[in-house]
Amino acid sequence: MLVRGTEDKEYAMSQKLNSAIAVIGIDIGKNSFHVVGQNKRGAIVLRQKWSRGQVEARLANMQPCLIGMEACVGAHHLSRKLQALGHDARLMPAKYVRPYSKDRRTTSVMPRPSPRRCNAQL
């Protein structure tokens, strides 16, 4: 547990209805993706770490929404698949993502997708 109560909050967030999610931000890694979902008011309702195989399967079961991610080779492939599922997948150039990163470490705590990254897509 990184911060007191973090695991409990993340578990509670995952139990929310998928229909409440309006915007999703995805931080693409080599083997794992950090996913943050917001409702229409901007409150975080989903914050999880998914494996590469889980992303498409879980997003297929959600209602169509806006999905923002950093542009890279894997993101282009993923965005085409998500658009086929009905989502509005948008890519951001890396120079616009850089300000949201807290530092250069690549631990599980850092960097997580910022809700502001999702809002920048609007």
PDB file of N, CA and C in Angstrom:
ATOM      1  N   MET A   1       0.856  -1.166   0.000  1.00  0.00           N
ATOM      2  CA  MET A   1       0.000   0.000   0.000  1.00  0.00           C
ATOM      3  C   MET A   1       0.902   1.228   0.000  1.00  0.00           C
ATOM      4  N   LEU A   2       0.717   2.108  -0.979  1.00  0.00           N
ATOM      5  CA  LEU A   2       1.578   3.264  -1.139  1.00  0.00           C
ATOM      6  C   LEU A   2       1.153   4.423  -0.251  1.00  0.00           C
ATOM      7  N   VAL A   3      -0.099   4.718  -0.254  1.00  0.00           N
ATOM      8  CA  VAL A   3      -0.651   5.784   0.563  1.00  0.00           C
ATOM      9  C   VAL A   3      -1.786   5.168   1.369  1.00  0.00           C
ATOM     10  N   ARG A   4      -1.948   5.615   2.584  1.00  0.00           N
ATOM     11  CA  ARG A   4      -2.969   5.034   3.439  1.00  0.00           C
ATOM     12  C   ARG A   4      -4.347   5.078   2.763  1.00  0.00           C
ATOM     13  N   GLY A   5      -4.941   3.900   2.599  1.00  0.00           N
ATOM     14  CA  GLY A   5      -6.273   3.807   2.024  1.00  0.00           C
ATOM     15  C   GLY A   5      -6.336   3.800   0.509  1.00  0.00           C
ATOM     16  N   THR A   6      -5.194   3.857  -0.186  1.00  0.00           N
ATOM     17  CA  THR A   6      -5.196   3.929  -1.644  1.00  0.00           C
ATOM     18  C   THR A   6      -5.832   2.698  -2.263  1.00  0.00           C
ATOM     19  N   GLU A   7      -5.470   1.511  -1.784  1.00  0.00           N
ATOM     20  CA  GLU A   7      -6.003   0.290  -2.370  1.00  0.00           C
ATOM     21  C   GLU A   7      -7.512   0.220  -2.208  1.00  0.00           C
ATOM     22  N   ASP A   8      -8.022   0.623  -1.050  1.00  0.00           N
ATOM     23  CA  ASP A   8      -9.465   0.588  -0.820  1.00  0.00           C
ATOM     24  C   ASP A   8     -10.195   1.532  -1.764  1.00  0.00           C
ATOM     25  N   LYS A   9      -9.665   2.726  -1.970  1.00  0.00           N
ATOM     26  CA  LYS A   9     -10.302   3.685  -2.850  1.00  0.00           C
ATOM     27  C   LYS A   9     -10.293   3.193  -4.287  1.00  0.00           C
ATOM     28  N   GLU A  10      -9.166   2.617  -4.731  1.00  0.00           N
ATOM     29  CA  GLU A  10      -9.091   2.125  -6.095  1.00  0.00           C
ATOM     30  C   GLU A  10     -10.052   0.973  -6.305  1.00  0.00           C
ATOM     31  N   TYR A  11     -10.220   0.126  -5.310  1.00  0.00           N
ATOM     32  CA  TYR A  11     -11.170  -0.972  -5.441  1.00  0.00           C
ATOM     33  C   TYR A  11     -12.590  -0.426  -5.521  1.00  0.00           C
ATOM     34  N   ALA A  12     -12.881   0.579  -4.702  1.00  0.00           N
ATOM     35  CA  ALA A  12     -14.216   1.164  -4.706  1.00  0.00           C
ATOM     36  C   ALA A  12     -14.495   1.858  -6.032  1.00  0.00           C
ATOM     37  N   MET A  13     -13.473   2.520  -6.596  1.00  0.00           N
ATOM     38  CA  MET A  13     -13.645   3.204  -7.868  1.00  0.00           C
ATOM     39  C   MET A  13     -13.952   2.214  -8.981  1.00  0.00           C
ATOM     40  N   SER A  14     -13.379   1.022  -8.927  1.00  0.00           N
ATOM     41  CA  SER A  14     -13.586   0.049  -9.986  1.00  0.00           C
ATOM     42  C   SER A  14     -14.991  -0.532  -9.951  1.00  0.00           C
ATOM     43  N   GLN A  15     -15.690  -0.390  -8.843  1.00  0.00           N
ATOM     44  CA  GLN A  15     -17.023  -0.948  -8.709  1.00  0.00           C
ATOM     45  C   GLN A  15     -18.114  -0.003  -9.229  1.00  0.00           C
ATOM     46  N   LYS A  16     -17.744   1.203  -9.654  1.00  0.00           N
ATOM     47  CA  LYS A  16     -18.719   2.153 -10.174  1.00  0.00           C
ATOM     48  C   LYS A  16     -19.277   1.645 -11.509  1.00  0.00           C
ATOM     49  N   LEU A  17     -20.418   2.178 -11.904  1.00  0.00           N
ATOM     50  CA  LEU A  17     -21.013   1.798 -13.177  1.00  0.00           C
ATOM     51  C   LEU A  17     -20.175   2.310 -14.339  1.00  0.00           C
ATOM     52  N   ASN A  18     -20.057   1.481 -15.378  1.00  0.00           N
ATOM     53  CA  ASN A  18     -19.306   1.883 -16.556  1.00  0.00           C
ATOM     54  C   ASN A  18     -19.997   3.030 -17.297  1.00  0.00           C
ATOM     55  N   SER A  19     -21.304   3.161 -17.132  1.00  0.00           N
ATOM     56  CA  SER A  19     -22.028   4.218 -17.826  1.00  0.00           C
ATOM     57  C   SER A  19     -21.658   5.601 -17.282  1.00  0.00           C
ATOM     58  N   ALA A  20     -21.064   5.668 -16.082  1.00  0.00           N
ATOM     59  CA  ALA A  20     -20.688   6.950 -15.495  1.00  0.00           C
ATOM     60  C   ALA A  20     -19.413   7.511 -16.111  1.00  0.00           C
ATOM     61  N   ILE A  21     -18.659   6.715 -16.823  1.00  0.00           N
ATOM     62  CA  ILE A  21     -17.380   7.151 -17.377  1.00  0.00           C
ATOM     63  C   ILE A  21     -17.611   7.887 -18.694  1.00  0.00           C
ATOM     64  N   ALA A  22     -17.140   9.135 -18.755  1.00  0.00           N
ATOM     65  CA  ALA A  22     -17.280   9.957 -19.957  1.00  0.00           C
ATOM     66  C   ALA A  22     -15.952  10.118 -20.686  1.00  0.00           C
ATOM     67  N   VAL A  23     -14.846  10.167 -19.925  1.00  0.00           N
ATOM     68  CA  VAL A  23     -13.522  10.388 -20.495  1.00  0.00           C
ATOM     69  C   VAL A  23     -12.541   9.418 -19.854  1.00  0.00           C
ATOM     70  N   ILE A  24     -11.675   8.835 -20.671  1.00  0.00           N
ATOM     71  CA  ILE A  24     -10.647   7.917 -20.173  1.00  0.00           C
ATOM     72  C   ILE A  24      -9.290   8.379 -20.676  1.00  0.00           C
ATOM     73  N   GLY A  25      -8.305   8.393 -19.786  1.00  0.00           N
ATOM     74  CA  GLY A  25      -6.920   8.671 -20.148  1.00  0.00           C
ATOM     75  C   GLY A  25      -6.105   7.410 -19.955  1.00  0.00           C
ATOM     76  N   ILE A  26      -5.308   7.050 -20.948  1.00  0.00           N
ATOM     77  CA  ILE A  26      -4.507   5.833 -20.881  1.00  0.00           C
ATOM     78  C   ILE A  26      -3.038   6.190 -21.013  1.00  0.00           C
ATOM     79  N   ASP A  27      -2.243   5.742 -20.043  1.00  0.00           N
ATOM     80  CA  ASP A  27      -0.794   5.870 -20.097  1.00  0.00           C
ATOM     81  C   ASP A  27      -0.259   4.522 -20.549  1.00  0.00           C
ATOM     82  N   ILE A  28       0.246   4.472 -21.774  1.00  0.00           N
ATOM     83  CA  ILE A  28       0.651   3.205 -22.377  1.00  0.00           C
ATOM     84  C   ILE A  28       2.075   2.871 -21.971  1.00  0.00           C
ATOM     85  N   GLY A  29       2.248   1.676 -21.420  1.00  0.00           N
ATOM     86  CA  GLY A  29       3.559   1.161 -21.078  1.00  0.00           C
ATOM     87  C   GLY A  29       3.882  -0.051 -21.938  1.00  0.00           C
ATOM     88  N   LYS A  30       4.985  -0.685 -21.650  1.00  0.00           N
ATOM     89  CA  LYS A  30       5.386  -1.848 -22.432  1.00  0.00           C
ATOM     90  C   LYS A  30       4.459  -3.035 -22.183  1.00  0.00           C
ATOM     91  N   ASN A  31       4.188  -3.332 -20.920  1.00  0.00           N
ATOM     92  CA  ASN A  31       3.344  -4.472 -20.583  1.00  0.00           C
ATOM     93  C   ASN A  31       2.083  -4.102 -19.812  1.00  0.00           C
ATOM     94  N   SER A  32       2.051  -2.915 -19.237  1.00  0.00           N
ATOM     95  CA  SER A  32       0.891  -2.514 -18.442  1.00  0.00           C
ATOM     96  C   SER A  32       0.465  -1.102 -18.810  1.00  0.00           C
ATOM     97  N   PHE A  33      -0.823  -0.857 -18.702  1.00  0.00           N
ATOM     98  CA  PHE A  33      -1.398   0.438 -19.018  1.00  0.00           C
ATOM     99  C   PHE A  33      -2.060   0.988 -17.762  1.00  0.00           C
ATOM    100  N   HIS A  34      -1.826   2.250 -17.467  1.00  0.00           N
ATOM    101  CA  HIS A  34      -2.493   2.925 -16.355  1.00  0.00           C
ATOM    102  C   HIS A  34      -3.700   3.654 -16.941  1.00  0.00           C
ATOM    103  N   VAL A  35      -4.862   3.377 -16.386  1.00  0.00           N
ATOM    104  CA  VAL A  35      -6.113   3.899 -16.919  1.00  0.00           C
ATOM    105  C   VAL A  35      -6.795   4.752 -15.859  1.00  0.00           C
ATOM    106  N   VAL A  36      -7.210   5.967 -16.264  1.00  0.00           N
ATOM    107  CA  VAL A  36      -7.959   6.861 -15.384  1.00  0.00           C
ATOM    108  C   VAL A  36      -9.231   7.258 -16.111  1.00  0.00           C
ATOM    109  N   GLY A  37     -10.373   7.048 -15.459  1.00  0.00           N
ATOM    110  CA  GLY A  37     -11.660   7.411 -16.042  1.00  0.00           C
ATOM    111  C   GLY A  37     -12.339   8.488 -15.232  1.00  0.00           C
ATOM    112  N   GLN A  38     -12.965   9.432 -15.920  1.00  0.00           N
ATOM    113  CA  GLN A  38     -13.676  10.530 -15.273  1.00  0.00           C
ATOM    114  C   GLN A  38     -15.139  10.523 -15.700  1.00  0.00           C
ATOM    115  N   ASN A  39     -15.993  11.007 -14.809  1.00  0.00           N
ATOM    116  CA  ASN A  39     -17.387  11.179 -15.197  1.00  0.00           C
ATOM    117  C   ASN A  39     -17.551  12.547 -15.853  1.00  0.00           C
ATOM    118  N   LYS A  40     -18.777  12.931 -16.172  1.00  0.00           N
ATOM    119  CA  LYS A  40     -19.022  14.199 -16.873  1.00  0.00           C
ATOM    120  C   LYS A  40     -18.656  15.416 -16.039  1.00  0.00           C
ATOM    121  N   ARG A  41     -18.649  15.275 -14.722  1.00  0.00           N
ATOM    122  CA  ARG A  41     -18.324  16.396 -13.837  1.00  0.00           C
ATOM    123  C   ARG A  41     -16.825  16.526 -13.598  1.00  0.00           C
ATOM    124  N   GLY A  42     -16.031  15.550 -14.045  1.00  0.00           N
ATOM    125  CA  GLY A  42     -14.587  15.605 -13.880  1.00  0.00           C
ATOM    126  C   GLY A  42     -14.064  14.832 -12.690  1.00  0.00           C
ATOM    127  N   ALA A  43     -14.929  14.149 -11.967  1.00  0.00           N
ATOM    128  CA  ALA A  43     -14.498  13.349 -10.823  1.00  0.00           C
ATOM    129  C   ALA A  43     -13.949  12.013 -11.310  1.00  0.00           C
ATOM    130  N   ILE A  44     -12.886  11.553 -10.679  1.00  0.00           N
ATOM    131  CA  ILE A  44     -12.267  10.283 -11.057  1.00  0.00           C
ATOM    132  C   ILE A  44     -13.125   9.138 -10.533  1.00  0.00           C
ATOM    133  N   VAL A  45     -13.568   8.285 -11.456  1.00  0.00           N
ATOM    134  CA  VAL A  45     -14.397   7.135 -11.086  1.00  0.00           C
ATOM    135  C   VAL A  45     -13.692   5.819 -11.380  1.00  0.00           C
ATOM    136  N   LEU A  46     -12.545   5.869 -12.053  1.00  0.00           N
ATOM    137  CA  LEU A  46     -11.790   4.658 -12.377  1.00  0.00           C
ATOM    138  C   LEU A  46     -10.309   4.981 -12.372  1.00  0.00           C
ATOM    139  N   ARG A  47      -9.530   4.217 -11.633  1.00  0.00           N
ATOM    140  CA  ARG A  47      -8.068   4.354 -11.655  1.00  0.00           C
ATOM    141  C   ARG A  47      -7.506   2.959 -11.430  1.00  0.00           C
ATOM    142  N   GLN A  48      -7.010   2.355 -12.525  1.00  0.00           N
ATOM    143  CA  GLN A  48      -6.525   0.989 -12.446  1.00  0.00           C
ATOM    144  C   GLN A  48      -5.320   0.789 -13.342  1.00  0.00           C
ATOM    145  N   LYS A  49      -4.626  -0.298 -13.085  1.00  0.00           N
ATOM    146  CA  LYS A  49      -3.515  -0.732 -13.918  1.00  0.00           C
ATOM    147  C   LYS A  49      -3.959  -2.005 -14.630  1.00  0.00           C
ATOM    148  N   TRP A  50      -3.982  -1.971 -15.967  1.00  0.00           N
ATOM    149  CA  TRP A  50      -4.417  -3.111 -16.767  1.00  0.00           C
ATOM    150  C   TRP A  50      -3.248  -3.666 -17.555  1.00  0.00           C
ATOM    151  N   SER A  51      -3.275  -4.953 -17.824  1.00  0.00           N
ATOM    152  CA  SER A  51      -2.269  -5.554 -18.700  1.00  0.00           C
ATOM    153  C   SER A  51      -2.676  -5.296 -20.150  1.00  0.00           C
ATOM    154  N   ARG A  52      -1.774  -5.530 -21.050  1.00  0.00           N
ATOM    155  CA  ARG A  52      -2.024  -5.275 -22.471  1.00  0.00           C
ATOM    156  C   ARG A  52      -3.246  -6.039 -22.980  1.00  0.00           C
ATOM    157  N   GLY A  53      -3.405  -7.266 -22.556  1.00  0.00           N
ATOM    158  CA  GLY A  53      -4.526  -8.074 -23.011  1.00  0.00           C
ATOM    159  C   GLY A  53      -5.872  -7.659 -22.456  1.00  0.00           C
ATOM    160  N   GLN A  54      -5.880  -6.990 -21.317  1.00  0.00           N
ATOM    161  CA  GLN A  54      -7.131  -6.584 -20.678  1.00  0.00           C
ATOM    162  C   GLN A  54      -7.741  -5.329 -21.284  1.00  0.00           C
ATOM    163  N   VAL A  55      -6.937  -4.485 -21.887  1.00  0.00           N
ATOM    164  CA  VAL A  55      -7.406  -3.168 -22.321  1.00  0.00           C
ATOM    165  C   VAL A  55      -8.562  -3.283 -23.312  1.00  0.00           C
ATOM    166  N   GLU A  56      -8.344  -3.997 -24.390  1.00  0.00           N
ATOM    167  CA  GLU A  56      -9.383  -4.086 -25.423  1.00  0.00           C
ATOM    168  C   GLU A  56     -10.624  -4.809 -24.895  1.00  0.00           C
ATOM    169  N   ALA A  57     -10.424  -5.863 -24.119  1.00  0.00           N
ATOM    170  CA  ALA A  57     -11.562  -6.625 -23.595  1.00  0.00           C
ATOM    171  C   ALA A  57     -12.408  -5.786 -22.648  1.00  0.00           C
ATOM    172  N   ARG A  58     -11.776  -5.024 -21.769  1.00  0.00           N
ATOM    173  CA  ARG A  58     -12.535  -4.216 -20.806  1.00  0.00           C
ATOM    174  C   ARG A  58     -13.218  -3.031 -21.463  1.00  0.00           C
ATOM    175  N   LEU A  59     -12.542  -2.398 -22.419  1.00  0.00           N
ATOM    176  CA  LEU A  59     -13.142  -1.247 -23.083  1.00  0.00           C
ATOM    177  C   LEU A  59     -14.254  -1.670 -24.034  1.00  0.00           C
ATOM    178  N   ALA A  60     -14.236  -2.917 -24.492  1.00  0.00           N
ATOM    179  CA  ALA A  60     -15.318  -3.419 -25.345  1.00  0.00           C
ATOM    180  C   ALA A  60     -16.618  -3.514 -24.572  1.00  0.00           C
ATOM    181  N   ASN A  61     -16.533  -3.711 -23.263  1.00  0.00           N
ATOM    182  CA  ASN A  61     -17.721  -3.840 -22.422  1.00  0.00           C
ATOM    183  C   ASN A  61     -18.226  -2.497 -21.892  1.00  0.00           C
ATOM    184  N   MET A  62     -17.518  -1.413 -22.190  1.00  0.00           N
ATOM    185  CA  MET A  62     -17.936  -0.087 -21.725  1.00  0.00           C
ATOM    186  C   MET A  62     -18.705   0.642 -22.818  1.00  0.00           C
ATOM    187  N   GLN A  63     -19.515   1.598 -22.392  1.00  0.00           N
ATOM    188  CA  GLN A  63     -20.229   2.423 -23.356  1.00  0.00           C
ATOM    189  C   GLN A  63     -19.222   3.339 -24.048  1.00  0.00           C
ATOM    190  N   PRO A  64     -19.483   3.740 -25.290  1.00  0.00           N
ATOM    191  CA  PRO A  64     -18.551   4.612 -26.020  1.00  0.00           C
ATOM    192  C   PRO A  64     -18.274   5.903 -25.251  1.00  0.00           C
ATOM    193  N   CYS A  65     -17.004   6.290 -25.228  1.00  0.00           N
ATOM    194  CA  CYS A  65     -16.591   7.515 -24.545  1.00  0.00           C
ATOM    195  C   CYS A  65     -15.340   8.063 -25.228  1.00  0.00           C
ATOM    196  N   LEU A  66     -14.877   9.208 -24.764  1.00  0.00           N
ATOM    197  CA  LEU A  66     -13.657   9.831 -25.273  1.00  0.00           C
ATOM    198  C   LEU A  66     -12.462   9.191 -24.586  1.00  0.00           C
ATOM    199  N   ILE A  67     -11.475   8.766 -25.378  1.00  0.00           N
ATOM    200  CA  ILE A  67     -10.274   8.134 -24.831  1.00  0.00           C
ATOM    201  C   ILE A  67      -9.064   8.893 -25.360  1.00  0.00           C
ATOM    202  N   GLY A  68      -8.221   9.380 -24.451  1.00  0.00           N
ATOM    203  CA  GLY A  68      -7.011  10.101 -24.829  1.00  0.00           C
ATOM    204  C   GLY A  68      -5.775   9.337 -24.418  1.00  0.00           C
ATOM    205  N   MET A  69      -4.760   9.340 -25.302  1.00  0.00           N
ATOM    206  CA  MET A  69      -3.495   8.672 -25.005  1.00  0.00           C
ATOM    207  C   MET A  69      -2.361   9.333 -25.784  1.00  0.00           C
ATOM    208  N   GLU A  70      -1.146   9.086 -25.330  1.00  0.00           N
ATOM    209  CA  GLU A  70       0.025   9.630 -25.994  1.00  0.00           C
ATOM    210  C   GLU A  70       0.252   8.912 -27.312  1.00  0.00           C
ATOM    211  N   ALA A  71       0.578   9.664 -28.350  1.00  0.00           N
ATOM    212  CA  ALA A  71       0.784   9.088 -29.672  1.00  0.00           C
ATOM    213  C   ALA A  71       2.104   8.311 -29.718  1.00  0.00           C
ATOM    214  N   CYS A  72       2.017   7.057 -30.113  1.00  0.00           N
ATOM    215  CA  CYS A  72       3.183   6.213 -30.366  1.00  0.00           C
ATOM    216  C   CYS A  72       2.713   5.082 -31.279  1.00  0.00           C
ATOM    217  N   VAL A  73       3.599   4.200 -31.660  1.00  0.00           N
ATOM    218  CA  VAL A  73       3.235   3.132 -32.588  1.00  0.00           C
ATOM    219  C   VAL A  73       2.111   2.275 -32.016  1.00  0.00           C
ATOM    220  N   GLY A  74       2.225   1.867 -30.776  1.00  0.00           N
ATOM    221  CA  GLY A  74       1.198   1.043 -30.156  1.00  0.00           C
ATOM    222  C   GLY A  74      -0.117   1.776 -29.980  1.00  0.00           C
ATOM    223  N   ALA A  75      -0.055   3.076 -29.760  1.00  0.00           N
ATOM    224  CA  ALA A  75      -1.270   3.863 -29.565  1.00  0.00           C
ATOM    225  C   ALA A  75      -2.073   3.962 -30.849  1.00  0.00           C
ATOM    226  N   HIS A  76      -1.403   4.050 -31.985  1.00  0.00           N
ATOM    227  CA  HIS A  76      -2.108   4.114 -33.259  1.00  0.00           C
ATOM    228  C   HIS A  76      -2.888   2.823 -33.500  1.00  0.00           C
ATOM    229  N   HIS A  77      -2.252   1.711 -33.223  1.00  0.00           N
ATOM    230  CA  HIS A  77      -2.910   0.411 -33.386  1.00  0.00           C
ATOM    231  C   HIS A  77      -4.103   0.292 -32.434  1.00  0.00           C
ATOM    232  N   LEU A  78      -3.892   0.658 -31.172  1.00  0.00           N
ATOM    233  CA  LEU A  78      -4.945   0.573 -30.177  1.00  0.00           C
ATOM    234  C   LEU A  78      -6.105   1.525 -30.496  1.00  0.00           C
ATOM    235  N   SER A  79      -5.789   2.730 -30.956  1.00  0.00           N
ATOM    236  CA  SER A  79      -6.854   3.692 -31.260  1.00  0.00           C
ATOM    237  C   SER A  79      -7.735   3.205 -32.404  1.00  0.00           C
ATOM    238  N   ARG A  80      -7.153   2.548 -33.398  1.00  0.00           N
ATOM    239  CA  ARG A  80      -7.964   2.000 -34.486  1.00  0.00           C
ATOM    240  C   ARG A  80      -8.912   0.920 -33.969  1.00  0.00           C
ATOM    241  N   LYS A  81      -8.410   0.070 -33.059  1.00  0.00           N
ATOM    242  CA  LYS A  81      -9.265  -0.971 -32.485  1.00  0.00           C
ATOM    243  C   LYS A  81     -10.382  -0.375 -31.635  1.00  0.00           C
ATOM    244  N   LEU A  82     -10.060   0.662 -30.859  1.00  0.00           N
ATOM    245  CA  LEU A  82     -11.064   1.296 -30.007  1.00  0.00           C
ATOM    246  C   LEU A  82     -12.106   2.053 -30.828  1.00  0.00           C
ATOM    247  N   GLN A  83     -11.684   2.656 -31.931  1.00  0.00           N
ATOM    248  CA  GLN A  83     -12.640   3.330 -32.799  1.00  0.00           C
ATOM    249  C   GLN A  83     -13.586   2.330 -33.449  1.00  0.00           C
ATOM    250  N   ALA A  84     -13.093   1.134 -33.726  1.00  0.00           N
ATOM    251  CA  ALA A  84     -13.959   0.087 -34.274  1.00  0.00           C
ATOM    252  C   ALA A  84     -15.011  -0.347 -33.251  1.00  0.00           C
ATOM    253  N   LEU A  85     -14.698  -0.190 -31.958  1.00  0.00           N
ATOM    254  CA  LEU A  85     -15.655  -0.512 -30.894  1.00  0.00           C
ATOM    255  C   LEU A  85     -16.633   0.622 -30.622  1.00  0.00           C
ATOM    256  N   GLY A  86     -16.435   1.776 -31.281  1.00  0.00           N
ATOM    257  CA  GLY A  86     -17.350   2.899 -31.115  1.00  0.00           C
ATOM    258  C   GLY A  86     -16.832   4.016 -30.236  1.00  0.00           C
ATOM    259  N   HIS A  87     -15.645   3.879 -29.669  1.00  0.00           N
ATOM    260  CA  HIS A  87     -15.072   4.923 -28.812  1.00  0.00           C
ATOM    261  C   HIS A  87     -14.483   6.038 -29.663  1.00  0.00           C
ATOM    262  N   ASP A  88     -14.351   7.224 -29.081  1.00  0.00           N
ATOM    263  CA  ASP A  88     -13.706   8.360 -29.734  1.00  0.00           C
ATOM    264  C   ASP A  88     -12.274   8.426 -29.211  1.00  0.00           C
ATOM    265  N   ALA A  89     -11.379   7.687 -29.837  1.00  0.00           N
ATOM    266  CA  ALA A  89      -9.982   7.614 -29.389  1.00  0.00           C
ATOM    267  C   ALA A  89      -9.177   8.720 -30.056  1.00  0.00           C
ATOM    268  N   ARG A  90      -8.483   9.507 -29.224  1.00  0.00           N
ATOM    269  CA  ARG A  90      -7.670  10.614 -29.730  1.00  0.00           C
ATOM    270  C   ARG A  90      -6.249  10.488 -29.198  1.00  0.00           C
ATOM    271  N   LEU A  91      -5.295  10.901 -30.029  1.00  0.00           N
ATOM    272  CA  LEU A  91      -3.879  10.810 -29.674  1.00  0.00           C
ATOM    273  C   LEU A  91      -3.305  12.199 -29.459  1.00  0.00           C
ATOM    274  N   MET A  92      -2.411  12.304 -28.463  1.00  0.00           N
ATOM    275  CA  MET A  92      -1.727  13.562 -28.166  1.00  0.00           C
ATOM    276  C   MET A  92      -0.260  13.423 -28.521  1.00  0.00           C
ATOM    277  N   PRO A  93       0.349  14.444 -29.143  1.00  0.00           N
ATOM    278  CA  PRO A  93       1.794  14.411 -29.360  1.00  0.00           C
ATOM    279  C   PRO A  93       2.536  14.394 -28.024  1.00  0.00           C
ATOM    280  N   ALA A  94       3.694  13.765 -28.017  1.00  0.00           N
ATOM    281  CA  ALA A  94       4.466  13.608 -26.779  1.00  0.00           C
ATOM    282  C   ALA A  94       4.824  14.946 -26.135  1.00  0.00           C
ATOM    283  N   LYS A  95       5.028  15.984 -26.920  1.00  0.00           N
ATOM    284  CA  LYS A  95       5.419  17.273 -26.338  1.00  0.00           C
ATOM    285  C   LYS A  95       4.303  17.869 -25.488  1.00  0.00           C
ATOM    286  N   TYR A  96       3.048  17.484 -25.740  1.00  0.00           N
ATOM    287  CA  TYR A  96       1.943  17.965 -24.914  1.00  0.00           C
ATOM    288  C   TYR A  96       1.715  17.098 -23.699  1.00  0.00           C
ATOM    289  N   VAL A  97       2.231  15.886 -23.701  1.00  0.00           N
ATOM    290  CA  VAL A  97       2.088  14.973 -22.568  1.00  0.00           C
ATOM    291  C   VAL A  97       3.162  15.252 -21.529  1.00  0.00           C
ATOM    292  N   ARG A  98       4.318  15.703 -21.943  1.00  0.00           N
ATOM    293  CA  ARG A  98       5.466  15.913 -21.070  1.00  0.00           C
ATOM    294  C   ARG A  98       5.146  16.736 -19.820  1.00  0.00           C
ATOM    295  N   PRO A  99       4.389  17.825 -19.889  1.00  0.00           N
ATOM    296  CA  PRO A  99       4.118  18.610 -18.673  1.00  0.00           C
ATOM    297  C   PRO A  99       3.344  17.854 -17.604  1.00  0.00           C
ATOM    298  N   TYR A 100       2.626  16.795 -17.961  1.00  0.00           N
ATOM    299  CA  TYR A 100       1.833  16.053 -16.994  1.00  0.00           C
ATOM    300  C   TYR A 100       2.649  15.021 -16.233  1.00  0.00           C
ATOM    301  N   SER A 101       3.841  14.669 -16.714  1.00  0.00           N
ATOM    302  CA  SER A 101       4.684  13.694 -16.036  1.00  0.00           C
ATOM    303  C   SER A 101       5.314  14.339 -14.820  1.00  0.00           C
ATOM    304  N   LYS A 102       5.339  13.629 -13.704  1.00  0.00           N
ATOM    305  CA  LYS A 102       5.865  14.200 -12.466  1.00  0.00           C
ATOM    306  C   LYS A 102       7.393  14.153 -12.421  1.00  0.00           C
ATOM    307  N   ASP A 103       7.968  13.073 -12.887  1.00  0.00           N
ATOM    308  CA  ASP A 103       9.419  13.001 -13.029  1.00  0.00           C
ATOM    309  C   ASP A 103       9.750  11.898 -14.028  1.00  0.00           C
ATOM    310  N   ARG A 104      11.031  11.564 -14.165  1.00  0.00           N
ATOM    311  CA  ARG A 104      11.442  10.636 -15.213  1.00  0.00           C
ATOM    312  C   ARG A 104      11.443   9.175 -14.769  1.00  0.00           C
ATOM    313  N   ARG A 105      11.161   8.906 -13.516  1.00  0.00           N
ATOM    314  CA  ARG A 105      11.156   7.518 -13.051  1.00  0.00           C
ATOM    315  C   ARG A 105       9.994   6.761 -13.668  1.00  0.00           C
ATOM    316  N   THR A 106      10.158   5.447 -13.770  1.00  0.00           N
ATOM    317  CA  THR A 106       9.097   4.638 -14.369  1.00  0.00           C
ATOM    318  C   THR A 106       8.631   3.581 -13.381  1.00  0.00           C
ATOM    319  N   THR A 107       8.324   4.007 -12.168  1.00  0.00           N
ATOM    320  CA  THR A 107       7.800   3.082 -11.170  1.00  0.00           C
ATOM    321  C   THR A 107       6.293   3.005 -11.319  1.00  0.00           C
ATOM    322  N   SER A 108       5.677   2.116 -10.567  1.00  0.00           N
ATOM    323  CA  SER A 108       4.231   1.965 -10.688  1.00  0.00           C
ATOM    324  C   SER A 108       3.476   3.177 -10.149  1.00  0.00           C
ATOM    325  N   VAL A 109       4.136   3.981  -9.307  1.00  0.00           N
ATOM    326  CA  VAL A 109       3.477   5.161  -8.769  1.00  0.00           C
ATOM    327  C   VAL A 109       3.555   6.311  -9.766  1.00  0.00           C
ATOM    328  N   MET A 110       4.670   6.441 -10.442  1.00  0.00           N
ATOM    329  CA  MET A 110       4.894   7.545 -11.362  1.00  0.00           C
ATOM    330  C   MET A 110       4.931   7.024 -12.770  1.00  0.00           C
ATOM    331  N   PRO A 111       4.768   7.667 -13.780  1.00  0.00           N
ATOM    332  CA  PRO A 111       3.777   8.706 -13.982  1.00  0.00           C
ATOM    333  C   PRO A 111       2.421   8.081 -14.237  1.00  0.00           C
ATOM    334  N   ARG A 112       1.401   8.640 -13.710  1.00  0.00           N
ATOM    335  CA  ARG A 112       0.038   8.153 -13.943  1.00  0.00           C
ATOM    336  C   ARG A 112      -0.674   9.140 -14.853  1.00  0.00           C
ATOM    337  N   PRO A 113      -1.622   8.675 -15.585  1.00  0.00           N
ATOM    338  CA  PRO A 113      -2.349   9.599 -16.455  1.00  0.00           C
ATOM    339  C   PRO A 113      -3.082  10.641 -15.627  1.00  0.00           C
ATOM    340  N   SER A 114      -2.878  11.854 -15.971  1.00  0.00           N
ATOM    341  CA  SER A 114      -3.532  12.942 -15.266  1.00  0.00           C
ATOM    342  C   SER A 114      -4.917  13.184 -15.848  1.00  0.00           C
ATOM    343  N   PRO A 115      -5.888  13.498 -15.003  1.00  0.00           N
ATOM    344  CA  PRO A 115      -7.203  13.856 -15.540  1.00  0.00           C
ATOM    345  C   PRO A 115      -7.130  15.049 -16.476  1.00  0.00           C
ATOM    346  N   ARG A 116      -6.140  15.921 -16.255  1.00  0.00           N
ATOM    347  CA  ARG A 116      -5.991  17.076 -17.144  1.00  0.00           C
ATOM    348  C   ARG A 116      -5.601  16.628 -18.539  1.00  0.00           C
ATOM    349  N   ARG A 117      -4.888  15.493 -18.639  1.00  0.00           N
ATOM    350  CA  ARG A 117      -4.514  14.963 -19.943  1.00  0.00           C
ATOM    351  C   ARG A 117      -5.773  14.604 -20.726  1.00  0.00           C
ATOM    352  N   CYS A 118      -6.763  14.061 -20.040  1.00  0.00           N
ATOM    353  CA  CYS A 118      -8.035  13.720 -20.682  1.00  0.00           C
ATOM    354  C   CYS A 118      -8.758  14.984 -21.126  1.00  0.00           C
ATOM    355  N   ASN A 119      -8.766  15.984 -20.257  1.00  0.00           N
ATOM    356  CA  ASN A 119      -9.484  17.218 -20.566  1.00  0.00           C
ATOM    357  C   ASN A 119      -8.831  17.987 -21.701  1.00  0.00           C
ATOM    358  N   ALA A 120      -7.529  17.806 -21.906  1.00  0.00           N
ATOM    359  CA  ALA A 120      -6.840  18.481 -22.989  1.00  0.00           C
ATOM    360  C   ALA A 120      -7.335  17.978 -24.347  1.00  0.00           C
ATOM    361  N   GLN A 121      -7.907  16.777 -24.356  1.00  0.00           N
ATOM    362  CA  GLN A 121      -8.406  16.218 -25.597  1.00  0.00           C
ATOM    363  C   GLN A 121      -9.705  16.874 -26.051  1.00  0.00           C
ATOM    364  N   LEU A 122     -10.425  17.487 -25.120  1.00  0.00           N
ATOM    365  CA  LEU A 122     -11.734  18.058 -25.471  1.00  0.00           C
ATOM    366  C   LEU A 122     -11.656  19.289 -26.289  1.00  0.00           C
TER     367      LEU A 122
END
